[in-house]
Amino acid sequence: MVSQTTGDEQVKFKKESLEILQTIDDHAGTLGKKKFFGGDNIGILDIALGCIAHWTEVIEDVAGGKLFEAHAFPYLHAWTQNFKEVPAIKENLPDRDKMLVLFKRGREKLLASQ
């Protein structure tokens, strides 16, 4: 995880993560006018990838670097926005500020133990 790495490890993790995100973005580009991987309705793949929609932004803040940029992954970014606007998803997303505190604390503990 990018928030748990530093130096060369973090660079390697970022490179690998960008490759994975590119693959997902390429697939999302084949959706055409559909909002989700499951079509017009959320499907199992949308749920499985849902962590990208909310957690990635928090992890980026904790790690101090941007990984998931709209200009680099336009289709995945559009999917993320659609996903987060679904009422059932929006109402149940974890509190961003609480996640930020939790992830920062975890990163600090991990880095202190190295």
PDB file of N, CA and C in Angstrom:
ATOM      1  N   MET A   1       0.840  -1.168   0.000  1.00  0.00           N
ATOM      2  CA  MET A   1       0.000   0.000   0.000  1.00  0.00           C
ATOM      3  C   MET A   1       0.891   1.240   0.000  1.00  0.00           C
ATOM      4  N   VAL A   2       0.541   2.214  -0.799  1.00  0.00           N
ATOM      5  CA  VAL A   2       1.364   3.417  -0.952  1.00  0.00           C
ATOM      6  C   VAL A   2       1.531   4.164   0.372  1.00  0.00           C
ATOM      7  N   SER A   3       0.535   4.110   1.227  1.00  0.00           N
ATOM      8  CA  SER A   3       0.648   4.817   2.502  1.00  0.00           C
ATOM      9  C   SER A   3       1.548   4.091   3.482  1.00  0.00           C
ATOM     10  N   GLN A   4       1.956   2.870   3.156  1.00  0.00           N
ATOM     11  CA  GLN A   4       2.802   2.083   4.049  1.00  0.00           C
ATOM     12  C   GLN A   4       4.211   1.908   3.496  1.00  0.00           C
ATOM     13  N   THR A   5       4.552   2.634   2.458  1.00  0.00           N
ATOM     14  CA  THR A   5       5.873   2.508   1.848  1.00  0.00           C
ATOM     15  C   THR A   5       6.563   3.863   1.803  1.00  0.00           C
ATOM     16  N   THR A   6       7.868   3.809   1.601  1.00  0.00           N
ATOM     17  CA  THR A   6       8.648   5.035   1.443  1.00  0.00           C
ATOM     18  C   THR A   6       9.724   4.786   0.395  1.00  0.00           C
ATOM     19  N   GLY A   7      10.338   5.863  -0.080  1.00  0.00           N
ATOM     20  CA  GLY A   7      11.482   5.765  -0.976  1.00  0.00           C
ATOM     21  C   GLY A   7      11.232   4.921  -2.213  1.00  0.00           C
ATOM     22  N   ASP A   8      12.211   4.042  -2.519  1.00  0.00           N
ATOM     23  CA  ASP A   8      12.141   3.201  -3.711  1.00  0.00           C
ATOM     24  C   ASP A   8      10.931   2.274  -3.698  1.00  0.00           C
ATOM     25  N   GLU A   9      10.577   1.793  -2.516  1.00  0.00           N
ATOM     26  CA  GLU A   9       9.404   0.918  -2.399  1.00  0.00           C
ATOM     27  C   GLU A   9       8.146   1.649  -2.838  1.00  0.00           C
ATOM     28  N   GLN A  10       8.039   2.916  -2.424  1.00  0.00           N
ATOM     29  CA  GLN A  10       6.857   3.691  -2.775  1.00  0.00           C
ATOM     30  C   GLN A  10       6.826   3.975  -4.276  1.00  0.00           C
ATOM     31  N   VAL A  11       7.973   4.255  -4.864  1.00  0.00           N
ATOM     32  CA  VAL A  11       8.058   4.497  -6.313  1.00  0.00           C
ATOM     33  C   VAL A  11       7.621   3.248  -7.066  1.00  0.00           C
ATOM     34  N   LYS A  12       8.110   2.090  -6.649  1.00  0.00           N
ATOM     35  CA  LYS A  12       7.748   0.828  -7.294  1.00  0.00           C
ATOM     36  C   LYS A  12       6.252   0.556  -7.149  1.00  0.00           C
ATOM     37  N   PHE A  13       5.724   0.760  -5.948  1.00  0.00           N
ATOM     38  CA  PHE A  13       4.302   0.535  -5.710  1.00  0.00           C
ATOM     39  C   PHE A  13       3.458   1.467  -6.578  1.00  0.00           C
ATOM     40  N   LYS A  14       3.870   2.717  -6.674  1.00  0.00           N
ATOM     41  CA  LYS A  14       3.124   3.686  -7.478  1.00  0.00           C
ATOM     42  C   LYS A  14       3.119   3.265  -8.946  1.00  0.00           C
ATOM     43  N   LYS A  15       4.267   2.838  -9.463  1.00  0.00           N
ATOM     44  CA  LYS A  15       4.358   2.412 -10.861  1.00  0.00           C
ATOM     45  C   LYS A  15       3.416   1.227 -11.125  1.00  0.00           C
ATOM     46  N   GLU A  16       3.457   0.247 -10.250  1.00  0.00           N
ATOM     47  CA  GLU A  16       2.598  -0.935 -10.411  1.00  0.00           C
ATOM     48  C   GLU A  16       1.122  -0.549 -10.303  1.00  0.00           C
ATOM     49  N   SER A  17       0.800   0.333  -9.383  1.00  0.00           N
ATOM     50  CA  SER A  17      -0.581   0.770  -9.204  1.00  0.00           C
ATOM     51  C   SER A  17      -1.088   1.525 -10.425  1.00  0.00           C
ATOM     52  N   LEU A  18      -0.238   2.371 -10.997  1.00  0.00           N
ATOM     53  CA  LEU A  18      -0.632   3.116 -12.197  1.00  0.00           C
ATOM     54  C   LEU A  18      -0.905   2.180 -13.365  1.00  0.00           C
ATOM     55  N   GLU A  19      -0.130   1.115 -13.480  1.00  0.00           N
ATOM     56  CA  GLU A  19      -0.362   0.121 -14.542  1.00  0.00           C
ATOM     57  C   GLU A  19      -1.715  -0.556 -14.356  1.00  0.00           C
ATOM     58  N   ILE A  20      -2.037  -0.899 -13.122  1.00  0.00           N
ATOM     59  CA  ILE A  20      -3.332  -1.538 -12.833  1.00  0.00           C
ATOM     60  C   ILE A  20      -4.473  -0.570 -13.120  1.00  0.00           C
ATOM     61  N   LEU A  21      -4.328   0.671 -12.662  1.00  0.00           N
ATOM     62  CA  LEU A  21      -5.362   1.665 -12.914  1.00  0.00           C
ATOM     63  C   LEU A  21      -5.555   1.900 -14.410  1.00  0.00           C
ATOM     64  N   GLN A  22      -4.475   1.871 -15.178  1.00  0.00           N
ATOM     65  CA  GLN A  22      -4.577   2.055 -16.625  1.00  0.00           C
ATOM     66  C   GLN A  22      -5.374   0.920 -17.255  1.00  0.00           C
ATOM     67  N   THR A  23      -5.139  -0.291 -16.808  1.00  0.00           N
ATOM     68  CA  THR A  23      -5.888  -1.443 -17.316  1.00  0.00           C
ATOM     69  C   THR A  23      -7.377  -1.290 -17.013  1.00  0.00           C
ATOM     70  N   ILE A  24      -7.689  -0.872 -15.797  1.00  0.00           N
ATOM     71  CA  ILE A  24      -9.092  -0.672 -15.421  1.00  0.00           C
ATOM     72  C   ILE A  24      -9.699   0.467 -16.233  1.00  0.00           C
ATOM     73  N   ASP A  25      -8.947   1.551 -16.408  1.00  0.00           N
ATOM     74  CA  ASP A  25      -9.439   2.688 -17.184  1.00  0.00           C
ATOM     75  C   ASP A  25      -9.687   2.285 -18.634  1.00  0.00           C
ATOM     76  N   ASP A  26      -8.796   1.484 -19.194  1.00  0.00           N
ATOM     77  CA  ASP A  26      -8.987   1.003 -20.564  1.00  0.00           C
ATOM     78  C   ASP A  26     -10.287   0.217 -20.684  1.00  0.00           C
ATOM     79  N   HIS A  27     -10.551  -0.628 -19.703  1.00  0.00           N
ATOM     80  CA  HIS A  27     -11.797  -1.412 -19.723  1.00  0.00           C
ATOM     81  C   HIS A  27     -13.007  -0.494 -19.542  1.00  0.00           C
ATOM     82  N   ALA A  28     -12.890   0.470 -18.643  1.00  0.00           N
ATOM     83  CA  ALA A  28     -13.993   1.404 -18.422  1.00  0.00           C
ATOM     84  C   ALA A  28     -14.299   2.199 -19.686  1.00  0.00           C
ATOM     85  N   GLY A  29     -13.289   2.431 -20.502  1.00  0.00           N
ATOM     86  CA  GLY A  29     -13.482   3.152 -21.759  1.00  0.00           C
ATOM     87  C   GLY A  29     -14.340   2.400 -22.758  1.00  0.00           C
ATOM     88  N   THR A  30     -14.487   1.104 -22.562  1.00  0.00           N
ATOM     89  CA  THR A  30     -15.313   0.290 -23.460  1.00  0.00           C
ATOM     90  C   THR A  30     -16.787   0.290 -23.059  1.00  0.00           C
ATOM     91  N   LEU A  31     -17.118   0.971 -21.992  1.00  0.00           N
ATOM     92  CA  LEU A  31     -18.491   0.960 -21.500  1.00  0.00           C
ATOM     93  C   LEU A  31     -19.440   1.799 -22.346  1.00  0.00           C
ATOM     94  N   GLY A  32     -18.896   2.682 -23.146  1.00  0.00           N
ATOM     95  CA  GLY A  32     -19.743   3.543 -23.956  1.00  0.00           C
ATOM     96  C   GLY A  32     -20.494   4.519 -23.077  1.00  0.00           C
ATOM     97  N   LYS A  33     -21.802   4.571 -23.236  1.00  0.00           N
ATOM     98  CA  LYS A  33     -22.609   5.516 -22.469  1.00  0.00           C
ATOM     99  C   LYS A  33     -23.088   4.954 -21.140  1.00  0.00           C
ATOM    100  N   LYS A  34     -22.704   3.720 -20.840  1.00  0.00           N
ATOM    101  CA  LYS A  34     -23.130   3.111 -19.581  1.00  0.00           C
ATOM    102  C   LYS A  34     -22.362   3.720 -18.418  1.00  0.00           C
ATOM    103  N   LYS A  35     -23.028   3.820 -17.276  1.00  0.00           N
ATOM    104  CA  LYS A  35     -22.441   4.465 -16.113  1.00  0.00           C
ATOM    105  C   LYS A  35     -21.563   3.524 -15.287  1.00  0.00           C
ATOM    106  N   PHE A  36     -21.841   2.230 -15.361  1.00  0.00           N
ATOM    107  CA  PHE A  36     -21.174   1.286 -14.480  1.00  0.00           C
ATOM    108  C   PHE A  36     -20.653   0.089 -15.262  1.00  0.00           C
ATOM    109  N   PHE A  37     -19.761  -0.655 -14.645  1.00  0.00           N
ATOM    110  CA  PHE A  37     -19.251  -1.866 -15.289  1.00  0.00           C
ATOM    111  C   PHE A  37     -20.382  -2.872 -15.499  1.00  0.00           C
ATOM    112  N   GLY A  38     -21.393  -2.800 -14.639  1.00  0.00           N
ATOM    113  CA  GLY A  38     -22.553  -3.685 -14.760  1.00  0.00           C
ATOM    114  C   GLY A  38     -23.616  -3.135 -15.696  1.00  0.00           C
ATOM    115  N   GLY A  39     -23.331  -2.082 -16.418  1.00  0.00           N
ATOM    116  CA  GLY A  39     -24.307  -1.480 -17.329  1.00  0.00           C
ATOM    117  C   GLY A  39     -24.870  -0.208 -16.730  1.00  0.00           C
ATOM    118  N   ASP A  40     -26.187  -0.089 -16.780  1.00  0.00           N
ATOM    119  CA  ASP A  40     -26.829   1.091 -16.220  1.00  0.00           C
ATOM    120  C   ASP A  40     -27.069   0.953 -14.720  1.00  0.00           C
ATOM    121  N   ASN A  41     -26.889  -0.253 -14.210  1.00  0.00           N
ATOM    122  CA  ASN A  41     -27.046  -0.514 -12.788  1.00  0.00           C
ATOM    123  C   ASN A  41     -25.736  -1.062 -12.228  1.00  0.00           C
ATOM    124  N   ILE A  42     -25.519  -0.829 -10.952  1.00  0.00           N
ATOM    125  CA  ILE A  42     -24.310  -1.321 -10.303  1.00  0.00           C
ATOM    126  C   ILE A  42     -24.308  -2.843 -10.302  1.00  0.00           C
ATOM    127  N   GLY A  43     -23.147  -3.406 -10.642  1.00  0.00           N
ATOM    128  CA  GLY A  43     -22.969  -4.856 -10.626  1.00  0.00           C
ATOM    129  C   GLY A  43     -21.858  -5.242  -9.661  1.00  0.00           C
ATOM    130  N   ILE A  44     -21.518  -6.509  -9.637  1.00  0.00           N
ATOM    131  CA  ILE A  44     -20.521  -7.027  -8.705  1.00  0.00           C
ATOM    132  C   ILE A  44     -19.143  -6.392  -8.918  1.00  0.00           C
ATOM    133  N   LEU A  45     -18.750  -6.136 -10.157  1.00  0.00           N
ATOM    134  CA  LEU A  45     -17.452  -5.518 -10.405  1.00  0.00           C
ATOM    135  C   LEU A  45     -17.422  -4.088  -9.865  1.00  0.00           C
ATOM    136  N   ASP A  46     -18.526  -3.382 -10.000  1.00  0.00           N
ATOM    137  CA  ASP A  46     -18.604  -2.032  -9.449  1.00  0.00           C
ATOM    138  C   ASP A  46     -18.414  -2.057  -7.935  1.00  0.00           C
ATOM    139  N   ILE A  47     -19.043  -2.996  -7.284  1.00  0.00           N
ATOM    140  CA  ILE A  47     -18.913  -3.120  -5.830  1.00  0.00           C
ATOM    141  C   ILE A  47     -17.475  -3.482  -5.466  1.00  0.00           C
ATOM    142  N   ALA A  48     -16.884  -4.421  -6.210  1.00  0.00           N
ATOM    143  CA  ALA A  48     -15.514  -4.852  -5.927  1.00  0.00           C
ATOM    144  C   ALA A  48     -14.512  -3.712  -6.089  1.00  0.00           C
ATOM    145  N   LEU A  49     -14.737  -2.847  -7.051  1.00  0.00           N
ATOM    146  CA  LEU A  49     -13.821  -1.732  -7.301  1.00  0.00           C
ATOM    147  C   LEU A  49     -14.213  -0.465  -6.534  1.00  0.00           C
ATOM    148  N   GLY A  50     -15.246  -0.566  -5.755  1.00  0.00           N
ATOM    149  CA  GLY A  50     -15.762   0.600  -5.047  1.00  0.00           C
ATOM    150  C   GLY A  50     -14.758   1.298  -4.159  1.00  0.00           C
ATOM    151  N   CYS A  51     -13.750   0.576  -3.693  1.00  0.00           N
ATOM    152  CA  CYS A  51     -12.755   1.211  -2.820  1.00  0.00           C
ATOM    153  C   CYS A  51     -12.003   2.315  -3.549  1.00  0.00           C
ATOM    154  N   ILE A  52     -11.873   2.194  -4.850  1.00  0.00           N
ATOM    155  CA  ILE A  52     -11.206   3.235  -5.626  1.00  0.00           C
ATOM    156  C   ILE A  52     -11.963   4.555  -5.490  1.00  0.00           C
ATOM    157  N   ALA A  53     -13.262   4.443  -5.397  1.00  0.00           N
ATOM    158  CA  ALA A  53     -14.112   5.626  -5.397  1.00  0.00           C
ATOM    159  C   ALA A  53     -13.945   6.529  -4.177  1.00  0.00           C
ATOM    160  N   HIS A  54     -13.514   5.992  -3.075  1.00  0.00           N
ATOM    161  CA  HIS A  54     -13.479   6.807  -1.862  1.00  0.00           C
ATOM    162  C   HIS A  54     -12.143   6.720  -1.129  1.00  0.00           C
ATOM    163  N   TRP A  55     -11.619   5.547  -1.006  1.00  0.00           N
ATOM    164  CA  TRP A  55     -10.418   5.318  -0.212  1.00  0.00           C
ATOM    165  C   TRP A  55      -9.161   5.904  -0.858  1.00  0.00           C
ATOM    166  N   THR A  56      -9.080   5.865  -2.172  1.00  0.00           N
ATOM    167  CA  THR A  56      -7.861   6.297  -2.858  1.00  0.00           C
ATOM    168  C   THR A  56      -7.516   7.744  -2.535  1.00  0.00           C
ATOM    169  N   GLU A  57      -8.500   8.610  -2.504  1.00  0.00           N
ATOM    170  CA  GLU A  57      -8.244  10.019  -2.211  1.00  0.00           C
ATOM    171  C   GLU A  57      -7.631  10.191  -0.819  1.00  0.00           C
ATOM    172  N   VAL A  58      -8.126   9.429   0.137  1.00  0.00           N
ATOM    173  CA  VAL A  58      -7.615   9.516   1.500  1.00  0.00           C
ATOM    174  C   VAL A  58      -6.186   8.979   1.562  1.00  0.00           C
ATOM    175  N   ILE A  59      -5.950   7.866   0.915  1.00  0.00           N
ATOM    176  CA  ILE A  59      -4.612   7.274   0.891  1.00  0.00           C
ATOM    177  C   ILE A  59      -3.617   8.235   0.250  1.00  0.00           C
ATOM    178  N   GLU A  60      -4.034   8.895  -0.812  1.00  0.00           N
ATOM    179  CA  GLU A  60      -3.161   9.877  -1.473  1.00  0.00           C
ATOM    180  C   GLU A  60      -2.798  11.005  -0.512  1.00  0.00           C
ATOM    181  N   ASP A  61      -3.770  11.490   0.237  1.00  0.00           N
ATOM    182  CA  ASP A  61      -3.501  12.566   1.195  1.00  0.00           C
ATOM    183  C   ASP A  61      -2.502  12.118   2.261  1.00  0.00           C
ATOM    184  N   VAL A  62      -2.672  10.908   2.738  1.00  0.00           N
ATOM    185  CA  VAL A  62      -1.784  10.380   3.779  1.00  0.00           C
ATOM    186  C   VAL A  62      -0.374  10.176   3.240  1.00  0.00           C
ATOM    187  N   ALA A  63      -0.267   9.640   2.036  1.00  0.00           N
ATOM    188  CA  ALA A  63       1.046   9.341   1.451  1.00  0.00           C
ATOM    189  C   ALA A  63       1.721  10.579   0.879  1.00  0.00           C
ATOM    190  N   GLY A  64       0.936  11.628   0.653  1.00  0.00           N
ATOM    191  CA  GLY A  64       1.519  12.866   0.145  1.00  0.00           C
ATOM    192  C   GLY A  64       1.797  12.858  -1.339  1.00  0.00           C
ATOM    193  N   GLY A  65       1.009  12.149  -2.106  1.00  0.00           N
ATOM    194  CA  GLY A  65       1.197  12.127  -3.551  1.00  0.00           C
ATOM    195  C   GLY A  65      -0.080  11.750  -4.261  1.00  0.00           C
ATOM    196  N   LYS A  66      -0.190  12.195  -5.485  1.00  0.00           N
ATOM    197  CA  LYS A  66      -1.377  11.912  -6.286  1.00  0.00           C
ATOM    198  C   LYS A  66      -1.134  10.680  -7.139  1.00  0.00           C
ATOM    199  N   LEU A  67      -2.081   9.770  -7.144  1.00  0.00           N
ATOM    200  CA  LEU A  67      -1.985   8.540  -7.914  1.00  0.00           C
ATOM    201  C   LEU A  67      -3.117   8.481  -8.942  1.00  0.00           C
ATOM    202  N   PHE A  68      -4.292   8.827  -8.510  1.00  0.00           N
ATOM    203  CA  PHE A  68      -5.497   8.679  -9.309  1.00  0.00           C
ATOM    204  C   PHE A  68      -5.942  10.041  -9.829  1.00  0.00           C
ATOM    205  N   GLU A  69      -5.404  10.448 -10.986  1.00  0.00           N
ATOM    206  CA  GLU A  69      -5.717  11.768 -11.528  1.00  0.00           C
ATOM    207  C   GLU A  69      -6.712  11.655 -12.679  1.00  0.00           C
ATOM    208  N   ALA A  70      -7.661  12.587 -12.704  1.00  0.00           N
ATOM    209  CA  ALA A  70      -8.734  12.560 -13.694  1.00  0.00           C
ATOM    210  C   ALA A  70      -8.213  12.608 -15.123  1.00  0.00           C
ATOM    211  N   HIS A  71      -7.190  13.416 -15.388  1.00  0.00           N
ATOM    212  CA  HIS A  71      -6.699  13.525 -16.759  1.00  0.00           C
ATOM    213  C   HIS A  71      -5.994  12.241 -17.222  1.00  0.00           C
ATOM    214  N   ALA A  72      -5.442  11.494 -16.294  1.00  0.00           N
ATOM    215  CA  ALA A  72      -4.741  10.255 -16.654  1.00  0.00           C
ATOM    216  C   ALA A  72      -5.699   9.077 -16.793  1.00  0.00           C
ATOM    217  N   PHE A  73      -6.796   9.107 -16.063  1.00  0.00           N
ATOM    218  CA  PHE A  73      -7.758   8.003 -16.060  1.00  0.00           C
ATOM    219  C   PHE A  73      -9.177   8.552 -16.213  1.00  0.00           C
ATOM    220  N   PRO A  74      -9.487   9.123 -17.370  1.00  0.00           N
ATOM    221  CA  PRO A  74     -10.772   9.810 -17.532  1.00  0.00           C
ATOM    222  C   PRO A  74     -11.995   8.914 -17.364  1.00  0.00           C
ATOM    223  N   TYR A  75     -11.934   7.702 -17.873  1.00  0.00           N
ATOM    224  CA  TYR A  75     -13.101   6.816 -17.784  1.00  0.00           C
ATOM    225  C   TYR A  75     -13.301   6.314 -16.361  1.00  0.00           C
ATOM    226  N   LEU A  76     -12.225   5.962 -15.728  1.00  0.00           N
ATOM    227  CA  LEU A  76     -12.289   5.489 -14.350  1.00  0.00           C
ATOM    228  C   LEU A  76     -12.729   6.621 -13.423  1.00  0.00           C
ATOM    229  N   HIS A  77     -12.274   7.821 -13.703  1.00  0.00           N
ATOM    230  CA  HIS A  77     -12.690   8.981 -12.917  1.00  0.00           C
ATOM    231  C   HIS A  77     -14.193   9.219 -13.070  1.00  0.00           C
ATOM    232  N   ALA A  78     -14.709   9.133 -14.291  1.00  0.00           N
ATOM    233  CA  ALA A  78     -16.148   9.313 -14.524  1.00  0.00           C
ATOM    234  C   ALA A  78     -16.937   8.220 -13.799  1.00  0.00           C
ATOM    235  N   TRP A  79     -16.446   6.985 -13.881  1.00  0.00           N
ATOM    236  CA  TRP A  79     -17.105   5.881 -13.187  1.00  0.00           C
ATOM    237  C   TRP A  79     -17.138   6.158 -11.683  1.00  0.00           C
ATOM    238  N   THR A  80     -16.006   6.646 -11.136  1.00  0.00           N
ATOM    239  CA  THR A  80     -15.911   6.933  -9.711  1.00  0.00           C
ATOM    240  C   THR A  80     -16.970   7.945  -9.295  1.00  0.00           C
ATOM    241  N   GLN A  81     -17.115   8.999 -10.080  1.00  0.00           N
ATOM    242  CA  GLN A  81     -18.108  10.029  -9.756  1.00  0.00           C
ATOM    243  C   GLN A  81     -19.521   9.455  -9.816  1.00  0.00           C
ATOM    244  N   ASN A  82     -19.810   8.660 -10.845  1.00  0.00           N
ATOM    245  CA  ASN A  82     -21.129   8.021 -10.953  1.00  0.00           C
ATOM    246  C   ASN A  82     -21.398   7.116  -9.755  1.00  0.00           C
ATOM    247  N   PHE A  83     -20.394   6.326  -9.391  1.00  0.00           N
ATOM    248  CA  PHE A  83     -20.529   5.369  -8.301  1.00  0.00           C
ATOM    249  C   PHE A  83     -20.826   6.084  -6.981  1.00  0.00           C
ATOM    250  N   LYS A  84     -20.083   7.142  -6.696  1.00  0.00           N
ATOM    251  CA  LYS A  84     -20.251   7.840  -5.428  1.00  0.00           C
ATOM    252  C   LYS A  84     -21.574   8.608  -5.341  1.00  0.00           C
ATOM    253  N   GLU A  85     -22.228   8.837  -6.465  1.00  0.00           N
ATOM    254  CA  GLU A  85     -23.497   9.570  -6.467  1.00  0.00           C
ATOM    255  C   GLU A  85     -24.720   8.665  -6.311  1.00  0.00           C
ATOM    256  N   VAL A  86     -24.532   7.363  -6.376  1.00  0.00           N
ATOM    257  CA  VAL A  86     -25.659   6.441  -6.160  1.00  0.00           C
ATOM    258  C   VAL A  86     -26.087   6.592  -4.701  1.00  0.00           C
ATOM    259  N   PRO A  87     -27.360   6.886  -4.443  1.00  0.00           N
ATOM    260  CA  PRO A  87     -27.790   7.149  -3.063  1.00  0.00           C
ATOM    261  C   PRO A  87     -27.365   6.086  -2.045  1.00  0.00           C
ATOM    262  N   ALA A  88     -27.514   4.823  -2.354  1.00  0.00           N
ATOM    263  CA  ALA A  88     -27.146   3.769  -1.393  1.00  0.00           C
ATOM    264  C   ALA A  88     -25.652   3.774  -1.091  1.00  0.00           C
ATOM    265  N   ILE A  89     -24.843   4.139  -2.070  1.00  0.00           N
ATOM    266  CA  ILE A  89     -23.397   4.219  -1.870  1.00  0.00           C
ATOM    267  C   ILE A  89     -23.074   5.487  -1.089  1.00  0.00           C
ATOM    268  N   LYS A  90     -23.585   6.599  -1.556  1.00  0.00           N
ATOM    269  CA  LYS A  90     -23.299   7.906  -0.955  1.00  0.00           C
ATOM    270  C   LYS A  90     -23.646   7.934   0.542  1.00  0.00           C
ATOM    271  N   GLU A  91     -24.779   7.340   0.890  1.00  0.00           N
ATOM    272  CA  GLU A  91     -25.242   7.337   2.276  1.00  0.00           C
ATOM    273  C   GLU A  91     -24.401   6.437   3.175  1.00  0.00           C
ATOM    274  N   ASN A  92     -23.640   5.513   2.586  1.00  0.00           N
ATOM    275  CA  ASN A  92     -22.909   4.539   3.388  1.00  0.00           C
ATOM    276  C   ASN A  92     -21.393   4.642   3.297  1.00  0.00           C
ATOM    277  N   LEU A  93     -20.892   5.668   2.631  1.00  0.00           N
ATOM    278  CA  LEU A  93     -19.448   5.852   2.564  1.00  0.00           C
ATOM    279  C   LEU A  93     -18.916   6.215   3.944  1.00  0.00           C
ATOM    280  N   PRO A  94     -17.758   5.678   4.316  1.00  0.00           N
ATOM    281  CA  PRO A  94     -17.177   6.046   5.605  1.00  0.00           C
ATOM    282  C   PRO A  94     -16.824   7.531   5.633  1.00  0.00           C
ATOM    283  N   ASP A  95     -16.842   8.109   6.818  1.00  0.00           N
ATOM    284  CA  ASP A  95     -16.505   9.510   6.993  1.00  0.00           C
ATOM    285  C   ASP A  95     -15.050   9.751   6.587  1.00  0.00           C
ATOM    286  N   ARG A  96     -14.843  10.653   5.650  1.00  0.00           N
ATOM    287  CA  ARG A  96     -13.512  10.914   5.096  1.00  0.00           C
ATOM    288  C   ARG A  96     -12.532  11.403   6.163  1.00  0.00           C
ATOM    289  N   ASP A  97     -12.971  12.302   7.019  1.00  0.00           N
ATOM    290  CA  ASP A  97     -12.086  12.847   8.045  1.00  0.00           C
ATOM    291  C   ASP A  97     -11.638  11.770   9.032  1.00  0.00           C
ATOM    292  N   LYS A  98     -12.551  10.898   9.399  1.00  0.00           N
ATOM    293  CA  LYS A  98     -12.195   9.799  10.308  1.00  0.00           C
ATOM    294  C   LYS A  98     -11.221   8.834   9.638  1.00  0.00           C
ATOM    295  N   MET A  99     -11.447   8.577   8.354  1.00  0.00           N
ATOM    296  CA  MET A  99     -10.533   7.704   7.612  1.00  0.00           C
ATOM    297  C   MET A  99      -9.141   8.322   7.552  1.00  0.00           C
ATOM    298  N   LEU A 100      -9.091   9.621   7.328  1.00  0.00           N
ATOM    299  CA  LEU A 100      -7.811  10.325   7.236  1.00  0.00           C
ATOM    300  C   LEU A 100      -7.021  10.187   8.542  1.00  0.00           C
ATOM    301  N   VAL A 101      -7.688  10.387   9.660  1.00  0.00           N
ATOM    302  CA  VAL A 101      -7.033  10.249  10.964  1.00  0.00           C
ATOM    303  C   VAL A 101      -6.544   8.819  11.159  1.00  0.00           C
ATOM    304  N   LEU A 102      -7.376   7.855  10.852  1.00  0.00           N
ATOM    305  CA  LEU A 102      -7.021   6.448  11.018  1.00  0.00           C
ATOM    306  C   LEU A 102      -5.831   6.052  10.145  1.00  0.00           C
ATOM    307  N   PHE A 103      -5.850   6.444   8.886  1.00  0.00           N
ATOM    308  CA  PHE A 103      -4.767   6.094   7.972  1.00  0.00           C
ATOM    309  C   PHE A 103      -3.464   6.801   8.348  1.00  0.00           C
ATOM    310  N   LYS A 104      -3.556   8.067   8.774  1.00  0.00           N
ATOM    311  CA  LYS A 104      -2.349   8.789   9.193  1.00  0.00           C
ATOM    312  C   LYS A 104      -1.719   8.112  10.406  1.00  0.00           C
ATOM    313  N   ARG A 105      -2.549   7.756  11.361  1.00  0.00           N
ATOM    314  CA  ARG A 105      -2.054   7.085  12.559  1.00  0.00           C
ATOM    315  C   ARG A 105      -1.396   5.754  12.199  1.00  0.00           C
ATOM    316  N   GLY A 106      -2.014   5.006  11.322  1.00  0.00           N
ATOM    317  CA  GLY A 106      -1.450   3.724  10.892  1.00  0.00           C
ATOM    318  C   GLY A 106      -0.119   3.889  10.179  1.00  0.00           C
ATOM    319  N   ARG A 107      -0.038   4.894   9.320  1.00  0.00           N
ATOM    320  CA  ARG A 107       1.219   5.151   8.600  1.00  0.00           C
ATOM    321  C   ARG A 107       2.329   5.566   9.568  1.00  0.00           C
ATOM    322  N   GLU A 108       2.003   6.431  10.497  1.00  0.00           N
ATOM    323  CA  GLU A 108       2.996   6.884  11.479  1.00  0.00           C
ATOM    324  C   GLU A 108       3.528   5.698  12.296  1.00  0.00           C
ATOM    325  N   LYS A 109       2.652   4.818  12.738  1.00  0.00           N
ATOM    326  CA  LYS A 109       3.071   3.641  13.507  1.00  0.00           C
ATOM    327  C   LYS A 109       3.957   2.734  12.664  1.00  0.00           C
ATOM    328  N   LEU A 110       3.567   2.520  11.437  1.00  0.00           N
ATOM    329  CA  LEU A 110       4.332   1.650  10.567  1.00  0.00           C
ATOM    330  C   LEU A 110       5.724   2.219  10.295  1.00  0.00           C
ATOM    331  N   LEU A 111       5.786   3.486   9.968  1.00  0.00           N
ATOM    332  CA  LEU A 111       7.075   4.103   9.671  1.00  0.00           C
ATOM    333  C   LEU A 111       7.965   4.182  10.909  1.00  0.00           C
ATOM    334  N   ALA A 112       7.368   4.357  12.067  1.00  0.00           N
ATOM    335  CA  ALA A 112       8.144   4.399  13.311  1.00  0.00           C
ATOM    336  C   ALA A 112       8.741   3.036  13.650  1.00  0.00           C
ATOM    337  N   SER A 113       8.078   1.976  13.217  1.00  0.00           N
ATOM    338  CA  SER A 113       8.554   0.627  13.533  1.00  0.00           C
ATOM    339  C   SER A 113       9.631   0.132  12.567  1.00  0.00           C
ATOM    340  N   GLN A 114       9.886   0.854  11.496  1.00  0.00           N
ATOM    341  CA  GLN A 114      10.871   0.413  10.501  1.00  0.00           C
ATOM    342  C   GLN A 114      12.273   0.806  10.876  1.00  0.00           C
TER     343      GLN A 114
END
